[in-house]
Amino acid sequence: MNKRTMVKAIAITALVGVVGYGGVQGISAYFTDTAEKNNTVTVGDVTTDLDEPNWDDTPDDEKTDITPNQKIPKDPKVTNTGTNDAYVFIEVQVPVKNIITVGANGQKLPAANTELLKYILNKGWVKVEDSDMTSGGTVTAHRYVYAYGTSTACTALKHGETTPALFDNITLVNAIEGQIDNETLNMPVKSYAIQTENIGKSSAPADVYKIYVNQNK
């Protein structure tokens, strides 16, 4: 083999070596990995029921043709049927009329704007707000809003829990005959609820109720 032929042989051998090395790379296996997270959150809800079990169980004939000082069972209470804890409120509208009444000692009292139905607030509730409702410049009802809790903090109502009744019964005012005879008296009751978490640092009834009102104007 002359010198030129030897150089060509060496060059061809080197080329074959390069091709062979590349072929090994093409069939090699590498360790690989893929990771994934599917973060799932569940959205809760605030749902409540307002019930008056004793009122519902009272026969209709005992709610009609009532007389002064007669008591009728009426017991509004709120049940948390939702997922999240809630702060709850109850609003009551008490009918008002300018009438003459009889005092506890039997003495006739001067005519004045008087609530026609009375009740005694039960423990566990606190008044948050009161206002007059008018029609044509005349006061027709007093509106009260009560919070479940104390004067400094609302009480969280958990899922499945029920508040104590706001009151147990209502009593017709001791009115002089002929002023409200045959009238139909309406006493609307409403409940409100709002989540307990992430609504601010204060749980004071006035602060929580303000947040509810601002959102639901």
N, C-alpha and C. Protein backbone atom coordinates (compact mmCIF):
# COMPACT_ATOMS: atom_id res chain seq x y z
N MET A 1 0.86 -1.19 0.00
CA MET A 1 0.00 0.00 0.00
C MET A 1 0.89 1.22 0.00
N ASN A 2 0.65 2.11 -1.00
CA ASN A 2 1.49 3.31 -1.02
C ASN A 2 0.96 4.31 -0.01
N LYS A 3 1.65 5.37 0.09
CA LYS A 3 1.35 6.37 1.13
C LYS A 3 0.00 6.99 0.89
N ARG A 4 -0.34 7.29 -0.40
CA ARG A 4 -1.63 7.95 -0.68
C ARG A 4 -2.79 7.02 -0.33
N THR A 5 -2.64 5.71 -0.69
CA THR A 5 -3.70 4.75 -0.39
C THR A 5 -3.89 4.59 1.10
N MET A 6 -2.84 4.60 1.87
CA MET A 6 -2.92 4.49 3.32
C MET A 6 -3.68 5.66 3.91
N VAL A 7 -3.43 6.87 3.42
CA VAL A 7 -4.12 8.06 3.95
C VAL A 7 -5.61 7.93 3.71
N LYS A 8 -6.00 7.46 2.49
CA LYS A 8 -7.42 7.29 2.19
C LYS A 8 -8.04 6.25 3.12
N ALA A 9 -7.37 5.20 3.37
CA ALA A 9 -7.89 4.14 4.25
C ALA A 9 -8.11 4.65 5.65
N ILE A 10 -7.20 5.41 6.12
CA ILE A 10 -7.33 5.98 7.48
C ILE A 10 -8.51 6.93 7.52
N ALA A 11 -8.68 7.75 6.46
CA ALA A 11 -9.78 8.71 6.42
C ALA A 11 -11.11 7.98 6.41
N ILE A 12 -11.24 6.92 5.62
CA ILE A 12 -12.48 6.15 5.55
C ILE A 12 -12.79 5.51 6.89
N THR A 13 -11.77 4.97 7.52
CA THR A 13 -11.97 4.35 8.85
C THR A 13 -12.47 5.36 9.86
N ALA A 14 -11.91 6.54 9.83
CA ALA A 14 -12.32 7.59 10.77
C ALA A 14 -13.77 7.98 10.53
N LEU A 15 -14.18 8.05 9.25
CA LEU A 15 -15.54 8.42 8.91
C LEU A 15 -16.54 7.37 9.40
N VAL A 16 -16.14 6.11 9.19
CA VAL A 16 -17.00 5.02 9.68
C VAL A 16 -17.16 5.11 11.19
N GLY A 17 -16.10 5.45 11.86
CA GLY A 17 -16.16 5.58 13.32
C GLY A 17 -17.14 6.66 13.75
N VAL A 18 -17.13 7.78 13.03
CA VAL A 18 -18.05 8.89 13.38
C VAL A 18 -19.48 8.48 13.16
N VAL A 19 -19.76 7.82 12.03
CA VAL A 19 -21.13 7.38 11.74
C VAL A 19 -21.61 6.38 12.79
N GLY A 20 -20.74 5.46 13.14
CA GLY A 20 -21.11 4.47 14.15
C GLY A 20 -21.42 5.12 15.48
N TYR A 21 -20.75 6.10 15.90
CA TYR A 21 -20.95 6.79 17.17
C TYR A 21 -22.28 7.52 17.16
N GLY A 22 -22.54 8.14 16.01
CA GLY A 22 -23.82 8.84 15.90
C GLY A 22 -24.99 7.89 15.97
N GLY A 23 -24.88 6.73 15.41
CA GLY A 23 -25.95 5.75 15.46
C GLY A 23 -26.26 5.30 16.88
N VAL A 24 -25.29 5.16 17.72
CA VAL A 24 -25.47 4.79 19.13
C VAL A 24 -26.28 5.85 19.85
N GLN A 25 -25.97 7.13 19.57
CA GLN A 25 -26.71 8.23 20.20
C GLN A 25 -28.19 8.14 19.86
N GLY A 26 -28.54 7.83 18.65
CA GLY A 26 -29.93 7.85 18.20
C GLY A 26 -30.79 6.80 18.87
N ILE A 27 -30.29 5.75 19.40
CA ILE A 27 -31.10 4.69 20.01
C ILE A 27 -30.95 4.64 21.53
N SER A 28 -30.28 5.63 22.10
CA SER A 28 -30.12 5.64 23.56
C SER A 28 -31.43 6.05 24.24
N ALA A 29 -31.71 5.55 25.47
CA ALA A 29 -32.88 5.91 26.27
C ALA A 29 -32.46 6.87 27.37
N TYR A 30 -33.34 7.87 27.65
CA TYR A 30 -33.03 8.86 28.68
C TYR A 30 -34.13 8.83 29.75
N PHE A 31 -33.75 9.07 31.00
CA PHE A 31 -34.73 9.18 32.08
C PHE A 31 -35.42 10.53 31.97
N THR A 32 -36.75 10.55 31.90
CA THR A 32 -37.52 11.81 31.84
C THR A 32 -38.67 11.72 32.82
N ASP A 33 -39.33 12.88 33.10
CA ASP A 33 -40.43 12.90 34.07
C ASP A 33 -41.31 14.12 33.80
N THR A 34 -42.60 13.98 34.05
CA THR A 34 -43.55 15.08 33.98
C THR A 34 -44.42 15.05 35.23
N ALA A 35 -44.57 16.19 35.89
CA ALA A 35 -45.40 16.28 37.10
C ALA A 35 -46.51 17.30 36.89
N GLU A 36 -47.69 17.05 37.48
CA GLU A 36 -48.81 17.98 37.32
C GLU A 36 -49.64 17.95 38.60
N LYS A 37 -50.17 19.13 39.00
CA LYS A 37 -51.08 19.21 40.14
C LYS A 37 -52.40 19.81 39.68
N ASN A 38 -53.48 19.18 40.07
CA ASN A 38 -54.81 19.71 39.77
C ASN A 38 -55.42 20.15 41.10
N ASN A 39 -55.26 21.43 41.43
CA ASN A 39 -55.74 21.95 42.71
C ASN A 39 -57.24 22.19 42.64
N THR A 40 -57.99 21.47 43.47
CA THR A 40 -59.45 21.56 43.46
C THR A 40 -59.94 22.25 44.72
N VAL A 41 -60.83 23.24 44.56
CA VAL A 41 -61.47 23.89 45.70
C VAL A 41 -62.98 23.75 45.53
N THR A 42 -63.66 23.70 46.65
CA THR A 42 -65.12 23.60 46.63
C THR A 42 -65.72 24.88 47.16
N VAL A 43 -66.62 25.46 46.40
CA VAL A 43 -67.26 26.71 46.81
C VAL A 43 -68.42 26.39 47.74
N GLY A 44 -68.48 27.07 48.88
CA GLY A 44 -69.54 26.84 49.86
C GLY A 44 -70.76 27.69 49.54
N ASP A 45 -71.65 27.78 50.50
CA ASP A 45 -72.84 28.61 50.32
C ASP A 45 -73.41 28.99 51.67
N VAL A 46 -74.17 30.09 51.70
CA VAL A 46 -74.87 30.52 52.89
C VAL A 46 -76.37 30.44 52.59
N THR A 47 -77.04 29.51 53.25
CA THR A 47 -78.48 29.31 53.05
C THR A 47 -79.13 29.09 54.41
N THR A 48 -80.25 29.77 54.64
CA THR A 48 -80.95 29.61 55.93
C THR A 48 -82.45 29.45 55.70
N ASP A 49 -83.11 28.90 56.69
CA ASP A 49 -84.57 28.79 56.70
C ASP A 49 -85.11 29.54 57.90
N LEU A 50 -86.20 30.27 57.70
CA LEU A 50 -86.90 30.97 58.78
C LEU A 50 -88.19 30.21 59.05
N ASP A 51 -88.35 29.75 60.27
CA ASP A 51 -89.53 28.96 60.64
C ASP A 51 -90.18 29.52 61.90
N GLU A 52 -91.49 29.23 62.03
CA GLU A 52 -92.25 29.57 63.22
C GLU A 52 -93.11 28.35 63.58
N PRO A 53 -92.49 27.32 64.14
CA PRO A 53 -93.19 26.04 64.34
C PRO A 53 -94.45 26.13 65.19
N ASN A 54 -94.39 26.87 66.29
CA ASN A 54 -95.57 26.97 67.16
C ASN A 54 -96.69 27.77 66.50
N TRP A 55 -96.31 28.81 65.74
CA TRP A 55 -97.31 29.57 64.99
C TRP A 55 -97.98 28.68 63.95
N ASP A 56 -97.18 27.89 63.24
CA ASP A 56 -97.73 27.01 62.20
C ASP A 56 -98.66 25.96 62.79
N ASP A 57 -98.38 25.52 64.02
CA ASP A 57 -99.20 24.47 64.65
C ASP A 57 -100.46 25.03 65.30
N THR A 58 -100.57 26.35 65.42
CA THR A 58 -101.75 26.97 66.03
C THR A 58 -102.90 27.01 65.03
N PRO A 59 -104.06 26.49 65.39
CA PRO A 59 -105.21 26.50 64.46
C PRO A 59 -105.55 27.92 64.02
N ASP A 60 -106.01 28.04 62.79
CA ASP A 60 -106.32 29.35 62.23
C ASP A 60 -107.38 30.09 63.04
N ASP A 61 -108.33 29.36 63.61
CA ASP A 61 -109.40 30.04 64.34
C ASP A 61 -108.90 30.67 65.64
N GLU A 62 -107.70 30.27 66.08
CA GLU A 62 -107.13 30.89 67.27
C GLU A 62 -106.29 32.12 66.93
N LYS A 63 -106.14 32.40 65.62
CA LYS A 63 -105.40 33.58 65.17
C LYS A 63 -106.34 34.66 64.66
N THR A 64 -107.64 34.39 64.71
CA THR A 64 -108.62 35.35 64.23
C THR A 64 -109.56 35.75 65.36
N ASP A 65 -110.16 36.92 65.19
CA ASP A 65 -111.10 37.45 66.18
C ASP A 65 -110.48 37.47 67.58
N ILE A 66 -109.22 37.88 67.65
CA ILE A 66 -108.54 37.91 68.94
C ILE A 66 -108.98 39.13 69.74
N THR A 67 -108.75 39.09 71.03
CA THR A 67 -109.19 40.15 71.94
C THR A 67 -107.99 40.81 72.61
N PRO A 68 -108.17 42.04 73.15
CA PRO A 68 -107.06 42.72 73.83
C PRO A 68 -106.42 41.84 74.90
N ASN A 69 -105.08 41.89 74.94
CA ASN A 69 -104.26 41.14 75.90
C ASN A 69 -104.20 39.65 75.61
N GLN A 70 -104.77 39.21 74.49
CA GLN A 70 -104.70 37.79 74.14
C GLN A 70 -103.33 37.47 73.56
N LYS A 71 -102.74 36.36 74.00
CA LYS A 71 -101.44 35.91 73.51
C LYS A 71 -101.62 34.85 72.43
N ILE A 72 -100.77 34.93 71.42
CA ILE A 72 -100.78 33.94 70.35
C ILE A 72 -99.36 33.42 70.18
N PRO A 73 -99.16 32.11 70.09
CA PRO A 73 -97.80 31.58 69.88
C PRO A 73 -97.22 32.09 68.56
N LYS A 74 -96.02 32.61 68.62
CA LYS A 74 -95.29 33.04 67.42
C LYS A 74 -93.82 33.01 67.79
N ASP A 75 -93.03 32.18 67.09
CA ASP A 75 -91.67 31.88 67.54
C ASP A 75 -90.69 31.83 66.38
N PRO A 76 -90.36 32.97 65.76
CA PRO A 76 -89.42 32.95 64.63
C PRO A 76 -88.02 32.51 65.04
N LYS A 77 -87.48 31.56 64.26
CA LYS A 77 -86.12 31.06 64.51
C LYS A 77 -85.48 30.73 63.17
N VAL A 78 -84.15 30.74 63.14
CA VAL A 78 -83.40 30.55 61.89
C VAL A 78 -82.57 29.28 61.98
N THR A 79 -82.60 28.48 60.90
CA THR A 79 -81.78 27.27 60.79
C THR A 79 -80.78 27.43 59.66
N ASN A 80 -79.52 27.09 59.91
CA ASN A 80 -78.49 27.15 58.88
C ASN A 80 -78.54 25.85 58.07
N THR A 81 -79.04 25.95 56.83
CA THR A 81 -79.12 24.79 55.95
C THR A 81 -78.01 24.79 54.90
N GLY A 82 -77.12 25.78 54.96
CA GLY A 82 -76.03 25.88 53.99
C GLY A 82 -74.77 25.17 54.48
N THR A 83 -73.69 25.38 53.75
CA THR A 83 -72.42 24.73 54.05
C THR A 83 -71.59 25.53 55.05
N ASN A 84 -71.56 26.85 54.88
CA ASN A 84 -70.69 27.70 55.68
C ASN A 84 -71.37 28.21 56.94
N ASP A 85 -70.55 28.52 57.96
CA ASP A 85 -71.07 29.19 59.14
C ASP A 85 -71.64 30.55 58.73
N ALA A 86 -72.63 31.01 59.47
CA ALA A 86 -73.28 32.28 59.11
C ALA A 86 -73.61 33.10 60.34
N TYR A 87 -73.59 34.43 60.17
CA TYR A 87 -74.16 35.35 61.14
C TYR A 87 -75.58 35.65 60.67
N VAL A 88 -76.54 35.63 61.58
CA VAL A 88 -77.93 35.80 61.16
C VAL A 88 -78.60 36.94 61.90
N PHE A 89 -79.59 37.52 61.21
CA PHE A 89 -80.37 38.63 61.74
C PHE A 89 -81.84 38.37 61.45
N ILE A 90 -82.72 38.91 62.29
CA ILE A 90 -84.16 38.84 62.04
C ILE A 90 -84.74 40.26 62.11
N GLU A 91 -85.54 40.57 61.11
CA GLU A 91 -86.23 41.86 61.08
C GLU A 91 -87.71 41.65 61.39
N VAL A 92 -88.26 42.52 62.22
CA VAL A 92 -89.68 42.45 62.58
C VAL A 92 -90.31 43.82 62.33
N GLN A 93 -91.47 43.82 61.68
CA GLN A 93 -92.22 45.06 61.48
C GLN A 93 -93.50 44.98 62.30
N VAL A 94 -93.61 45.88 63.29
CA VAL A 94 -94.74 45.87 64.22
C VAL A 94 -95.73 46.96 63.82
N PRO A 95 -97.00 46.61 63.57
CA PRO A 95 -97.98 47.62 63.18
C PRO A 95 -98.21 48.66 64.27
N VAL A 96 -98.39 49.91 63.85
CA VAL A 96 -98.57 51.03 64.77
C VAL A 96 -99.82 51.82 64.38
N LYS A 97 -100.53 52.31 65.39
CA LYS A 97 -101.70 53.17 65.13
C LYS A 97 -101.87 54.13 66.29
N ASN A 98 -102.38 55.31 65.99
CA ASN A 98 -102.64 56.30 67.02
C ASN A 98 -103.98 55.95 67.68
N ILE A 99 -103.89 55.38 68.87
CA ILE A 99 -105.10 54.91 69.56
C ILE A 99 -105.04 55.24 71.06
N ILE A 100 -106.19 55.05 71.70
CA ILE A 100 -106.29 55.17 73.15
C ILE A 100 -106.21 53.77 73.74
N THR A 101 -105.37 53.58 74.74
CA THR A 101 -105.21 52.27 75.37
C THR A 101 -105.50 52.36 76.86
N VAL A 102 -105.54 51.21 77.49
CA VAL A 102 -105.75 51.12 78.92
C VAL A 102 -104.47 50.63 79.56
N GLY A 103 -104.00 51.34 80.59
CA GLY A 103 -102.77 50.99 81.28
C GLY A 103 -102.93 49.77 82.16
N ALA A 104 -101.82 49.34 82.76
CA ALA A 104 -101.82 48.15 83.61
C ALA A 104 -102.74 48.32 84.82
N ASN A 105 -102.90 49.58 85.27
CA ASN A 105 -103.74 49.82 86.44
C ASN A 105 -105.20 50.07 86.06
N GLY A 106 -105.55 49.89 84.78
CA GLY A 106 -106.92 50.08 84.35
C GLY A 106 -107.25 51.50 83.95
N GLN A 107 -106.26 52.39 83.99
CA GLN A 107 -106.51 53.80 83.66
C GLN A 107 -106.41 54.02 82.15
N LYS A 108 -107.36 54.84 81.63
CA LYS A 108 -107.33 55.17 80.21
C LYS A 108 -106.18 56.12 79.93
N LEU A 109 -105.41 55.82 78.88
CA LEU A 109 -104.24 56.62 78.52
C LEU A 109 -104.56 57.51 77.32
N PRO A 110 -103.89 58.66 77.21
CA PRO A 110 -104.13 59.56 76.07
C PRO A 110 -103.79 58.87 74.75
N ALA A 111 -104.42 59.31 73.68
CA ALA A 111 -104.15 58.75 72.37
C ALA A 111 -102.68 58.99 72.00
N ALA A 112 -102.05 57.97 71.44
CA ALA A 112 -100.64 58.06 71.06
C ALA A 112 -100.34 56.97 70.03
N ASN A 113 -99.25 57.17 69.27
CA ASN A 113 -98.80 56.12 68.36
C ASN A 113 -98.41 54.90 69.19
N THR A 114 -99.08 53.80 68.96
CA THR A 114 -98.94 52.63 69.81
C THR A 114 -98.71 51.37 68.98
N GLU A 115 -97.79 50.55 69.41
CA GLU A 115 -97.60 49.26 68.75
C GLU A 115 -98.77 48.35 69.10
N LEU A 116 -99.40 47.79 68.08
CA LEU A 116 -100.61 47.01 68.29
C LEU A 116 -100.33 45.59 68.75
N LEU A 117 -99.13 45.12 68.52
CA LEU A 117 -98.73 43.79 68.97
C LEU A 117 -97.45 43.89 69.78
N LYS A 118 -97.40 43.18 70.89
CA LYS A 118 -96.24 43.23 71.79
C LYS A 118 -95.56 41.87 71.86
N TYR A 119 -94.28 41.87 72.21
CA TYR A 119 -93.54 40.63 72.43
C TYR A 119 -92.39 40.90 73.37
N ILE A 120 -91.83 39.84 73.93
CA ILE A 120 -90.67 39.94 74.82
C ILE A 120 -89.50 39.24 74.14
N LEU A 121 -88.41 39.97 73.95
CA LEU A 121 -87.23 39.44 73.27
C LEU A 121 -86.57 38.36 74.11
N ASN A 122 -86.23 37.24 73.49
CA ASN A 122 -85.58 36.14 74.19
C ASN A 122 -84.07 36.36 74.30
N LYS A 123 -83.47 35.67 75.26
CA LYS A 123 -82.03 35.72 75.45
C LYS A 123 -81.32 35.16 74.22
N GLY A 124 -80.19 35.76 73.89
CA GLY A 124 -79.42 35.32 72.73
C GLY A 124 -79.58 36.23 71.54
N TRP A 125 -80.46 37.23 71.66
CA TRP A 125 -80.68 38.19 70.59
C TRP A 125 -80.44 39.60 71.09
N VAL A 126 -80.00 40.49 70.21
CA VAL A 126 -79.73 41.87 70.58
C VAL A 126 -80.20 42.79 69.45
N LYS A 127 -80.78 43.93 69.82
CA LYS A 127 -81.28 44.86 68.80
C LYS A 127 -80.12 45.59 68.14
N VAL A 128 -80.17 45.66 66.81
CA VAL A 128 -79.14 46.34 66.03
C VAL A 128 -79.65 47.66 65.47
N GLU A 129 -80.92 47.69 65.12
CA GLU A 129 -81.45 48.87 64.44
C GLU A 129 -82.95 48.98 64.67
N ASP A 130 -83.46 50.22 64.72
CA ASP A 130 -84.90 50.43 64.73
C ASP A 130 -85.22 51.70 63.94
N SER A 131 -86.38 51.70 63.32
CA SER A 131 -86.78 52.85 62.50
C SER A 131 -88.29 52.86 62.34
N ASP A 132 -88.81 54.01 61.92
CA ASP A 132 -90.24 54.15 61.65
C ASP A 132 -90.52 53.88 60.19
N MET A 133 -91.63 53.23 59.93
CA MET A 133 -92.12 53.06 58.56
C MET A 133 -93.35 53.93 58.41
N THR A 134 -93.39 54.74 57.37
CA THR A 134 -94.47 55.72 57.22
C THR A 134 -95.20 55.55 55.90
N SER A 135 -96.40 56.09 55.86
CA SER A 135 -97.20 56.15 54.64
C SER A 135 -97.98 57.45 54.67
N GLY A 136 -97.69 58.33 53.71
CA GLY A 136 -98.36 59.62 53.68
C GLY A 136 -98.07 60.48 54.89
N GLY A 137 -96.86 60.31 55.44
CA GLY A 137 -96.47 61.10 56.61
C GLY A 137 -96.94 60.53 57.93
N THR A 138 -97.65 59.41 57.90
CA THR A 138 -98.15 58.78 59.12
C THR A 138 -97.35 57.52 59.42
N VAL A 139 -96.94 57.36 60.66
CA VAL A 139 -96.21 56.15 61.07
C VAL A 139 -97.16 54.97 61.05
N THR A 140 -96.82 53.95 60.29
CA THR A 140 -97.67 52.76 60.18
C THR A 140 -97.07 51.53 60.86
N ALA A 141 -95.76 51.57 61.09
CA ALA A 141 -95.10 50.42 61.73
C ALA A 141 -93.75 50.85 62.29
N HIS A 142 -93.29 50.09 63.27
CA HIS A 142 -91.92 50.21 63.78
C HIS A 142 -91.15 49.00 63.27
N ARG A 143 -89.96 49.28 62.72
CA ARG A 143 -89.13 48.23 62.15
C ARG A 143 -87.93 47.98 63.06
N TYR A 144 -87.72 46.73 63.45
CA TYR A 144 -86.61 46.37 64.32
C TYR A 144 -85.77 45.29 63.64
N VAL A 145 -84.44 45.39 63.82
CA VAL A 145 -83.53 44.35 63.34
C VAL A 145 -82.74 43.84 64.54
N TYR A 146 -82.72 42.52 64.70
CA TYR A 146 -82.03 41.89 65.82
C TYR A 146 -80.95 40.94 65.30
N ALA A 147 -79.84 40.89 66.02
CA ALA A 147 -78.74 39.98 65.67
C ALA A 147 -78.71 38.83 66.65
N TYR A 148 -78.36 37.66 66.13
CA TYR A 148 -78.14 36.51 67.00
C TYR A 148 -76.74 36.65 67.59
N GLY A 149 -76.68 36.94 68.91
CA GLY A 149 -75.40 37.15 69.56
C GLY A 149 -75.55 38.09 70.75
N THR A 150 -74.48 38.81 71.02
CA THR A 150 -74.47 39.77 72.12
C THR A 150 -74.25 41.17 71.56
N SER A 151 -74.18 42.15 72.44
CA SER A 151 -73.97 43.53 71.99
C SER A 151 -72.58 43.73 71.40
N THR A 152 -71.65 42.83 71.69
CA THR A 152 -70.27 42.99 71.21
C THR A 152 -69.87 42.02 70.10
N ALA A 153 -70.61 40.91 69.93
CA ALA A 153 -70.21 39.93 68.92
C ALA A 153 -71.40 39.09 68.46
N CYS A 154 -71.49 38.91 67.14
CA CYS A 154 -72.47 37.99 66.59
C CYS A 154 -72.06 36.55 66.94
N THR A 155 -73.03 35.69 67.06
CA THR A 155 -72.76 34.27 67.29
C THR A 155 -72.83 33.52 65.97
N ALA A 156 -71.80 32.75 65.65
CA ALA A 156 -71.78 31.99 64.40
C ALA A 156 -72.78 30.84 64.49
N LEU A 157 -73.63 30.75 63.46
CA LEU A 157 -74.58 29.66 63.38
C LEU A 157 -74.01 28.61 62.42
N LYS A 158 -73.68 27.44 62.94
CA LYS A 158 -73.05 26.39 62.14
C LYS A 158 -74.09 25.60 61.34
N HIS A 159 -73.59 24.85 60.37
CA HIS A 159 -74.46 24.03 59.53
C HIS A 159 -75.32 23.11 60.40
N GLY A 160 -76.62 23.15 60.15
CA GLY A 160 -77.54 22.28 60.88
C GLY A 160 -78.04 22.84 62.19
N GLU A 161 -77.45 23.94 62.66
CA GLU A 161 -77.87 24.51 63.93
C GLU A 161 -79.07 25.45 63.74
N THR A 162 -79.85 25.63 64.82
CA THR A 162 -81.01 26.51 64.81
C THR A 162 -80.90 27.49 65.97
N THR A 163 -81.21 28.73 65.73
CA THR A 163 -81.18 29.73 66.79
C THR A 163 -82.34 29.50 67.76
N PRO A 164 -82.23 30.06 68.96
CA PRO A 164 -83.43 30.10 69.81
C PRO A 164 -84.45 31.02 69.16
N ALA A 165 -85.70 30.89 69.54
CA ALA A 165 -86.74 31.76 68.99
C ALA A 165 -86.46 33.21 69.37
N LEU A 166 -86.75 34.12 68.47
CA LEU A 166 -86.58 35.54 68.76
C LEU A 166 -87.49 35.96 69.90
N PHE A 167 -88.70 35.47 69.87
CA PHE A 167 -89.66 35.62 70.98
C PHE A 167 -90.60 34.43 70.90
N ASP A 168 -91.43 34.23 71.92
CA ASP A 168 -92.26 33.03 71.98
C ASP A 168 -93.72 33.27 71.60
N ASN A 169 -94.19 34.49 71.79
CA ASN A 169 -95.58 34.79 71.47
C ASN A 169 -95.76 36.29 71.28
N ILE A 170 -96.92 36.65 70.73
CA ILE A 170 -97.27 38.06 70.58
C ILE A 170 -98.59 38.31 71.32
N THR A 171 -98.76 39.55 71.79
CA THR A 171 -99.94 39.90 72.56
C THR A 171 -100.61 41.13 71.95
N LEU A 172 -101.91 41.08 71.77
CA LEU A 172 -102.64 42.22 71.25
C LEU A 172 -102.72 43.31 72.31
N VAL A 173 -102.49 44.55 71.89
CA VAL A 173 -102.50 45.68 72.80
C VAL A 173 -103.88 45.83 73.45
N ASN A 174 -103.91 46.39 74.65
CA ASN A 174 -105.16 46.59 75.39
C ASN A 174 -105.81 47.90 74.93
N ALA A 175 -106.43 47.84 73.76
CA ALA A 175 -106.99 49.04 73.14
C ALA A 175 -108.45 49.22 73.53
N ILE A 176 -108.84 50.51 73.63
CA ILE A 176 -110.24 50.82 73.88
C ILE A 176 -111.08 50.34 72.68
N GLU A 177 -112.22 49.79 72.97
CA GLU A 177 -113.08 49.20 71.94
C GLU A 177 -113.42 50.20 70.83
N GLY A 178 -113.50 49.69 69.61
CA GLY A 178 -113.94 50.49 68.48
C GLY A 178 -112.83 51.11 67.66
N GLN A 179 -111.57 50.98 68.06
CA GLN A 179 -110.47 51.64 67.35
C GLN A 179 -109.78 50.73 66.33
N ILE A 180 -109.71 49.45 66.65
CA ILE A 180 -109.06 48.52 65.72
C ILE A 180 -109.93 47.29 65.48
N ASP A 181 -111.22 47.42 65.80
CA ASP A 181 -112.13 46.29 65.60
C ASP A 181 -112.14 45.85 64.13
N ASN A 182 -112.11 44.54 63.91
CA ASN A 182 -112.22 43.94 62.58
C ASN A 182 -111.04 44.28 61.65
N GLU A 183 -109.97 44.83 62.20
CA GLU A 183 -108.79 45.11 61.38
C GLU A 183 -107.92 43.86 61.24
N THR A 184 -107.27 43.75 60.07
CA THR A 184 -106.29 42.69 59.85
C THR A 184 -104.91 43.26 60.13
N LEU A 185 -104.22 42.70 61.10
CA LEU A 185 -102.91 43.20 61.51
C LEU A 185 -101.81 42.33 60.91
N ASN A 186 -100.91 42.97 60.20
CA ASN A 186 -99.78 42.26 59.61
C ASN A 186 -98.51 42.53 60.39
N MET A 187 -97.72 41.48 60.62
CA MET A 187 -96.46 41.60 61.35
C MET A 187 -95.39 40.82 60.59
N PRO A 188 -94.86 41.38 59.50
CA PRO A 188 -93.86 40.67 58.69
C PRO A 188 -92.59 40.37 59.48
N VAL A 189 -92.04 39.19 59.24
CA VAL A 189 -90.77 38.77 59.84
C VAL A 189 -89.85 38.30 58.72
N LYS A 190 -88.62 38.80 58.69
CA LYS A 190 -87.65 38.41 57.67
C LYS A 190 -86.35 38.01 58.35
N SER A 191 -85.58 37.16 57.69
CA SER A 191 -84.26 36.80 58.21
C SER A 191 -83.19 37.13 57.18
N TYR A 192 -81.99 37.47 57.67
CA TYR A 192 -80.84 37.77 56.83
C TYR A 192 -79.66 36.93 57.33
N ALA A 193 -78.76 36.58 56.40
CA ALA A 193 -77.57 35.81 56.79
C ALA A 193 -76.39 36.24 55.95
N ILE A 194 -75.20 36.15 56.55
CA ILE A 194 -73.97 36.48 55.84
C ILE A 194 -72.86 35.57 56.37
N GLN A 195 -71.90 35.24 55.51
CA GLN A 195 -70.80 34.37 55.91
C GLN A 195 -70.03 34.96 57.07
N THR A 196 -69.40 34.10 57.87
CA THR A 196 -68.65 34.57 59.03
C THR A 196 -67.19 34.87 58.71
N GLU A 197 -66.65 34.25 57.66
CA GLU A 197 -65.22 34.37 57.37
C GLU A 197 -64.95 35.43 56.30
N ASN A 198 -63.77 36.07 56.46
CA ASN A 198 -63.25 37.01 55.46
C ASN A 198 -64.19 38.18 55.18
N ILE A 199 -64.83 38.69 56.23
CA ILE A 199 -65.67 39.87 56.05
C ILE A 199 -65.19 41.03 56.93
N GLY A 200 -63.99 40.90 57.47
CA GLY A 200 -63.46 41.94 58.33
C GLY A 200 -63.11 41.41 59.70
N LYS A 201 -62.41 42.21 60.46
CA LYS A 201 -61.94 41.78 61.78
C LYS A 201 -63.02 41.82 62.84
N SER A 202 -64.00 42.72 62.70
CA SER A 202 -65.01 42.89 63.74
C SER A 202 -66.21 41.98 63.51
N SER A 203 -66.67 41.35 64.59
CA SER A 203 -67.89 40.56 64.53
C SER A 203 -69.02 41.24 65.30
N ALA A 204 -68.82 42.52 65.65
CA ALA A 204 -69.85 43.27 66.36
C ALA A 204 -71.11 43.35 65.49
N PRO A 205 -72.29 43.14 66.05
CA PRO A 205 -73.52 43.13 65.25
C PRO A 205 -73.69 44.34 64.34
N ALA A 206 -73.40 45.53 64.85
CA ALA A 206 -73.57 46.74 64.04
C ALA A 206 -72.64 46.72 62.82
N ASP A 207 -71.41 46.26 63.01
CA ASP A 207 -70.43 46.23 61.91
C ASP A 207 -70.80 45.17 60.87
N VAL A 208 -71.18 43.99 61.34
CA VAL A 208 -71.54 42.91 60.41
C VAL A 208 -72.80 43.28 59.64
N TYR A 209 -73.78 43.84 60.32
CA TYR A 209 -75.03 44.21 59.64
C TYR A 209 -74.78 45.30 58.60
N LYS A 210 -73.87 46.21 58.89
CA LYS A 210 -73.54 47.27 57.93
C LYS A 210 -72.96 46.66 56.65
N ILE A 211 -72.11 45.64 56.79
CA ILE A 211 -71.54 44.96 55.62
C ILE A 211 -72.66 44.31 54.80
N TYR A 212 -73.60 43.66 55.50
CA TYR A 212 -74.71 43.03 54.79
C TYR A 212 -75.53 44.07 54.04
N VAL A 213 -75.85 45.17 54.69
CA VAL A 213 -76.68 46.20 54.07
C VAL A 213 -75.97 46.81 52.86
N ASN A 214 -74.69 47.10 53.00
CA ASN A 214 -73.94 47.71 51.90
C ASN A 214 -73.92 46.81 50.66
N GLN A 215 -73.91 45.50 50.87
CA GLN A 215 -73.88 44.58 49.75
C GLN A 215 -75.27 44.37 49.15
N ASN A 216 -76.31 44.59 49.95
CA ASN A 216 -77.66 44.25 49.50
C ASN A 216 -78.58 45.47 49.43
N LYS A 217 -78.02 46.65 49.19
CA LYS A 217 -78.83 47.85 49.03
C LYS A 217 -79.73 47.69 47.80
